[in-house]
Amino acid sequence: MESSLDSLTYLNQNLEGFSGIIKLRCEDFLVHEIDKTGKILSLDSFELPLSSAERIAQQQKELAEKPFIVEESMTSFQQSCQLDKVSYDNLNEWVTSLFTNPGSETKSEITLEPIEDKTKRTSVHQAVRNFLPFFGTDSVQGGVIRVFLSGKGKHFISKQTKTEITPQKRTSPSRDEGSDEEPKPSETAASFSRRKRPRSSKLRKAWKENKMNDPNRDSYRDTRGIPREEGEYVHCVLYKQNMDTLSAVDMIRRVLRCNSKCFNFAGTKDRVACTSQKLCLSHLNRKQIMSINNISPFLKVGNFSYSKDLIKLGDLSGNHFTLVIRDIPLSATHIGTNLQLIQQNGFVNYFGSQRFGTGQIRTHEIGRMMLKKNFEGAVKLIMGFHQSDSPEIRAAKTAFIENGAIHPLKDVLSRNDRIGHAILNGLEAFGEKNYSNALSALPRNRRSLYMHAYQSYLFNIAVSFRLTINNTNVIVGDLVMPHSPIPAETRERHVGLHVVSEEDVNENRFSLNDVVIPIVGASSILPQNEVGEMLTKVMTEEGTLDALQGQGDKDALYNLDGDYRHIIHVPGNMTWEIVPYSSDEQVFTQTDLNKMDPSPTEEKNGAATQQSPPTKLACILNFSLKTSGYATMLLREAMRNELEQPTDKMEQSEESLNEDKSENES
């Protein structure tokens, strides 16, 4: 069986290809993350949200700056809490008298009729804060609510009526077990917890216990600047240009001098692109958060919101792409036909070249060595040659591969080669021949990447083999996961998974869009036909069958669970526009930053005045893909060209890390 990654096929046969260039400009490749609710994320605001306390303060300030109309406020108050008629009439009369006769002696407080329901009492307290913020409230014995005129209220009424008022002195009510208002902090044992930390060890122990047992400690304003009552995380949209997600987060971390655990995201995004995605911040104060936008003109955060939920890898439903294919010949009049077929039928859902790296040594070859437990071979592949290596580095790598010489290579290896230095440091620490532990010095996600790449390699060759058998219909033994539910009694043990029978084929129960190929692992089953036989043969020949289909490895890192992936991906919301143009400086898209601060000098949306007749075409393409889809595979299907590899580094696109989590941890 040929193991080359170049033997990929097409779904829509007999299409005429066309040439073109992608990513000529950074603005030619826009990626917007789609969250779990289906919302396409974009950056359009830099304002931090207000906490509940700040919103109330802002409402009070706005209320103080405009004339207060008693009737309107009392009507809104009553609609909000539905107070009983007697209490409302008494309260309305008292509030009205404060504003109509401000100079006369007026009671400084009033008690409402008892309310047994605590939820109802809470709504009354809240309504007073919202519509009568210059009054204070508390609860006394028997479910009675007391409304009193606060010091700010006196100032407010004096300002509104331009008359100084002298209300009667207010007396504090007695409290007992019937009160649902919390006592003042000074009356609680926990108040000791908010004093300065004592020097005495005995007092310090009591101070710590009181602090931990304080029931209100989570409601205090977090000293890190994020109000805990709003949620301990801040969600925002991260916009970046010409940098990948990991580099952007690392840049923020270094400038703010904080731990990388302060940042979480749902997936990584392309480097050569303008991308917008959700970022989760924690343990940062407001000053730090706002200073992020001063780090770089190509790195911004905004659309802030408080949340109690932590964002994890895979917490997205896909990505929306806006791509520009430039330098298409004027004679390519069949572009629309190609795109229309892809819109209807989809494209082959291969893993893209980003999954395998683009250097001389592919990541799946390293993964194969690791699964075979040939750790020496894996290390030497990782430390293999790259096209950018200088003669000095090549000589040092040759000495390492042949003789295991560590120090000569370490002396000349670039400091940016973190993977290489991690391997060499591991060999120094654990022994020159201890290749297994040297690999453990790599970040866990990097080690997983190699083995997941091998799983992806098996998927690609299985899909190509399956489509050479029949590229239009299902065949007996196929595995299907239909989008519509199937009877429970016909399912296998995997939810939604079904093995196609001869009866299914005769009755046309499934289409090619329902067919899945396994991401081979311990819990996945193989197709019950020639495809399964082919996969078994390949894994046997390459020595990986036991690792992938056996009982599982004791080391959790090498115990790959497996999953399933559809062989056809149909893009959503796909539209396109063909635009004639002549100048490569012409801009056809608007980034999020452009929309917020448009530059009058830039030529947008193909509206530039042509200095000469159009000499070529540009295709502006919009579409959405689920987390398992690669935009480069859609372009490959449309253009019928193998896309040029952008770099010699083993970089992953926006989809690949999403799949590392969603496909292999399910």
Foldseek 3Di string as FASTA:
>chain_A
DDLDPVLFDKQDPPDAFFDFDWLPDQAQKEKFFQFPVRDTDADFFADADDDPVRVLVVLVVVCLVDADDLVVLLVQLCVQQVADPVQSVVVSVLVVCCQVPQADAGAFKDKGDADPDPVSVVSNQVSCSNRVVQWHWFFAARRIIMIGGDPVNQVSSCSNNVDHHDYDDDDDDDHDPRTPGDDDLVVDPLVLLPDDQDPDPVSNVSNVVSPVPPPCNQQDQDPQAHGSVQAQKKKKKKWAAQAKPVVLLVLLCVVLVHDSVQKAFQFMADRSHTYIGMIIGGSHHPVSQSCSCVSDVGIDIRPMGHDNDDHHHLRGFFMKIKRKTDDIFPPPPCLVVLVVCCQVFFIFLADDPLLFFDWPQTLLVLLLCVLLVVLLVSLLSLLDDGPPDDPQLNVVSVCCNVPVDQVSNVVPDDPVPPLNVLLSVQCVVPHSPPRVSSVVSDPLVSSLSSNLSNLSSLQSVLLSVVVVVPSWADDAQFKFQDPDDDDPVQADPPPSIHGDHPVCRVVVVDTLQGTKQKSFAQADDGGPDVSSVVSVVVCVVSVNCCQGHNPADPPPSSHWHIAIDRRGWNWAPKDKDKAFAADPQAEQDAGSVCVNPPDPVHHYNNNDDHPDGGRRIMMTIITIGTLSHDPQSSSCNSNVDDDDDDDNGSHHHRNPSSCSCPGGVD
